[in-house]
């Protein structure tokens, strides 16, 4: 996942650089570059959200949760995955709905369907659910191992 996102970021940077260079230096803008950059940006953003869930880093919760009393920290640690899971489910259901609305729309310069950028929404939601399940399994196994040794 991280490698795919990194490749997309590099491709996005190259395309934006080419667009700027062609527009301002060569005075011949690339018709397709802006649309492709937007498509890649959407994928990078939504894959980044899934990677954030995988690493449990981008929600800014870790810093706040560490400052809470132990009892409240445990409650928050139980609630947050549920909320994230609900958001991911909304991304999946609403993302699929957005796909159906855009199935007959096409980028004018590339001829690609608008399904491609919007597909990132439900895919990211599915990945987020997957990573949440994996995290919960690891947390459960950790508690099981910890209680057996105590």
Protein backbone atom coordinates (compact mmCIF):
# COMPACT_ATOMS: atom_id res chain seq x y z
CA UNK A 1 0.00 0.00 0.00
CA UNK A 2 2.71 2.45 1.00
CA UNK A 3 4.73 1.68 -2.14
CA UNK A 4 1.68 2.27 -4.35
CA UNK A 5 0.95 5.57 -2.62
CA UNK A 6 4.61 6.62 -2.93
CA UNK A 7 4.64 5.82 -6.65
CA UNK A 8 1.45 7.86 -7.12
CA UNK A 9 2.96 10.80 -5.23
CA UNK A 10 6.06 10.72 -7.44
CA UNK A 11 3.90 10.48 -10.57
CA UNK A 12 1.77 13.38 -9.32
CA UNK A 13 4.84 15.53 -8.70
CA UNK A 14 6.25 14.76 -12.14
CA UNK A 15 2.95 15.55 -13.87
CA UNK A 16 2.53 18.83 -11.99
CA UNK A 17 6.13 19.78 -12.78
CA UNK A 18 5.58 19.01 -16.48
CA UNK A 19 2.37 21.02 -16.49
CA UNK A 20 4.02 24.05 -14.93
CA UNK A 21 7.09 23.76 -17.17
CA UNK A 22 5.06 23.39 -20.35
CA UNK A 23 2.62 26.16 -19.44
CA UNK A 24 5.08 28.82 -18.30
CA UNK A 25 8.31 27.94 -20.09
CA UNK A 26 7.23 26.32 -23.35
CA UNK A 27 3.90 28.21 -23.48
CA UNK A 28 2.13 24.99 -24.57
CA UNK A 29 0.08 23.58 -21.71
CA UNK A 30 -0.61 19.86 -21.63
CA UNK A 31 -4.34 19.33 -21.94
CA UNK A 32 -4.42 16.06 -20.00
CA UNK A 33 -2.04 16.87 -17.14
CA UNK A 34 -4.44 18.79 -14.91
CA UNK A 35 -7.08 16.08 -15.08
CA UNK A 36 -4.56 13.31 -14.44
CA UNK A 37 -3.06 15.27 -11.54
CA UNK A 38 -6.53 15.58 -9.97
CA UNK A 39 -7.15 11.85 -10.40
CA UNK A 40 -3.81 10.97 -8.80
CA UNK A 41 -4.36 13.46 -5.99
CA UNK A 42 -7.68 11.81 -5.12
CA UNK A 43 -6.06 8.37 -4.99
CA UNK A 44 -3.11 9.61 -2.94
CA UNK A 45 -5.46 11.32 -0.47
CA UNK A 46 -7.72 8.33 0.06
CA UNK A 47 -4.91 5.78 0.14
CA UNK A 48 -3.20 8.07 2.65
CA UNK A 49 -6.30 7.89 4.84
CA UNK A 50 -6.17 4.08 4.74
CA UNK A 51 -2.45 4.10 5.52
CA UNK A 52 -3.20 6.43 8.43
CA UNK A 53 -5.63 3.86 9.82
CA UNK A 54 -3.10 1.08 9.24
CA UNK A 55 -0.45 2.95 11.20
CA UNK A 56 -3.00 4.58 13.52
CA UNK A 57 -1.18 7.88 13.18
CA UNK A 58 -3.05 10.62 11.32
CA UNK A 59 -6.09 11.02 13.55
CA UNK A 60 -4.13 13.01 16.11
CA UNK A 61 -5.65 10.83 18.80
CA UNK A 62 -2.50 9.28 20.17
CA UNK A 63 -1.21 12.55 21.58
CA UNK A 64 -4.53 13.47 23.20
CA UNK A 65 -5.26 9.95 24.46
CA UNK A 66 -1.88 9.69 26.21
CA UNK A 67 -2.77 12.73 28.33
CA UNK A 68 -6.04 11.20 29.57
CA UNK A 69 -6.41 9.25 32.80
CA UNK A 70 -6.04 5.47 32.33
CA UNK A 71 -9.75 4.67 32.74
CA UNK A 72 -10.83 7.29 30.20
CA UNK A 73 -8.00 6.29 27.84
CA UNK A 74 -9.32 2.72 27.67
CA UNK A 75 -12.82 3.99 26.86
CA UNK A 76 -11.54 6.26 24.10
CA UNK A 77 -9.44 3.43 22.69
CA UNK A 78 -12.62 1.35 22.41
CA UNK A 79 -14.77 4.11 20.89
CA UNK A 80 -12.36 5.48 18.28
CA UNK A 81 -12.14 2.29 16.16
CA UNK A 82 -15.94 2.15 16.12
CA UNK A 83 -16.18 5.73 14.88
CA UNK A 84 -13.46 5.17 12.28
CA UNK A 85 -15.24 2.00 11.16
CA UNK A 86 -18.50 3.91 10.78
CA UNK A 87 -16.77 6.55 8.68
CA UNK A 88 -15.24 3.80 6.53
CA UNK A 89 -18.66 2.18 6.03
CA UNK A 90 -20.08 5.53 4.94
CA UNK A 91 -17.17 5.89 2.52
CA UNK A 92 -17.97 2.50 1.06
CA UNK A 93 -21.72 2.97 0.69
CA UNK A 94 -21.65 6.59 -0.43
CA UNK A 95 -18.60 5.97 -2.61
CA UNK A 96 -20.46 3.25 -4.49
CA UNK A 97 -23.37 5.66 -4.93
CA UNK A 98 -21.02 8.32 -6.33
CA UNK A 99 -19.65 5.72 -8.76
CA UNK A 100 -23.12 5.07 -10.14
CA UNK A 101 -23.71 8.81 -10.66
CA UNK A 102 -20.43 9.20 -12.56
CA UNK A 103 -20.37 6.08 -14.71
CA UNK A 104 -21.38 8.04 -17.84
CA UNK A 105 -19.05 11.00 -17.29
CA UNK A 106 -15.64 11.11 -18.95
CA UNK A 107 -12.60 13.33 -18.75
CA UNK A 108 -12.58 15.45 -21.86
CA UNK A 109 -8.87 15.28 -22.59
CA UNK A 110 -8.08 11.74 -21.44
CA UNK A 111 -11.25 9.86 -22.34
CA UNK A 112 -11.16 8.07 -18.96
CA UNK A 113 -14.33 7.49 -17.00
CA UNK A 114 -14.92 9.50 -13.84
CA UNK A 115 -15.33 6.15 -12.12
CA UNK A 116 -11.53 5.94 -11.74
CA UNK A 117 -11.01 8.83 -9.34
CA UNK A 118 -14.18 8.12 -7.37
CA UNK A 119 -13.27 4.45 -7.02
CA UNK A 120 -10.67 5.59 -4.51
CA UNK A 121 -13.43 6.35 -1.97
CA UNK A 122 -14.92 2.86 -1.51
CA UNK A 123 -11.52 1.19 -1.99
CA UNK A 124 -10.11 3.32 0.81
CA UNK A 125 -13.11 2.55 2.99
CA UNK A 126 -12.60 -1.19 2.45
CA UNK A 127 -8.92 -0.91 3.26
CA UNK A 128 -9.71 1.07 6.40
CA UNK A 129 -12.13 -1.65 7.57
CA UNK A 130 -9.52 -4.31 6.82
CA UNK A 131 -6.82 -2.47 8.78
CA UNK A 132 -9.21 -1.88 11.69
CA UNK A 133 -9.98 -5.60 11.86
CA UNK A 134 -6.28 -6.48 11.75
CA UNK A 135 -5.56 -3.98 14.53
CA UNK A 136 -8.37 -5.32 16.69
CA UNK A 137 -7.13 -8.90 16.22
CA UNK A 138 -3.62 -7.83 17.25
CA UNK A 139 -4.99 -5.94 20.24
CA UNK A 140 -7.10 -8.95 21.27
CA UNK A 141 -4.13 -11.33 20.93
CA UNK A 142 -1.98 -8.92 22.94
CA UNK A 143 -4.56 -8.86 25.77
CA UNK A 144 -4.88 -12.65 25.66
CA UNK A 145 -1.10 -13.06 25.89
CA UNK A 146 -0.82 -10.43 28.60
CA UNK A 147 -3.57 -11.93 30.80
CA UNK A 148 -2.12 -15.46 30.50
CA UNK A 149 1.25 -14.26 31.78
CA UNK A 150 -0.14 -12.16 34.66
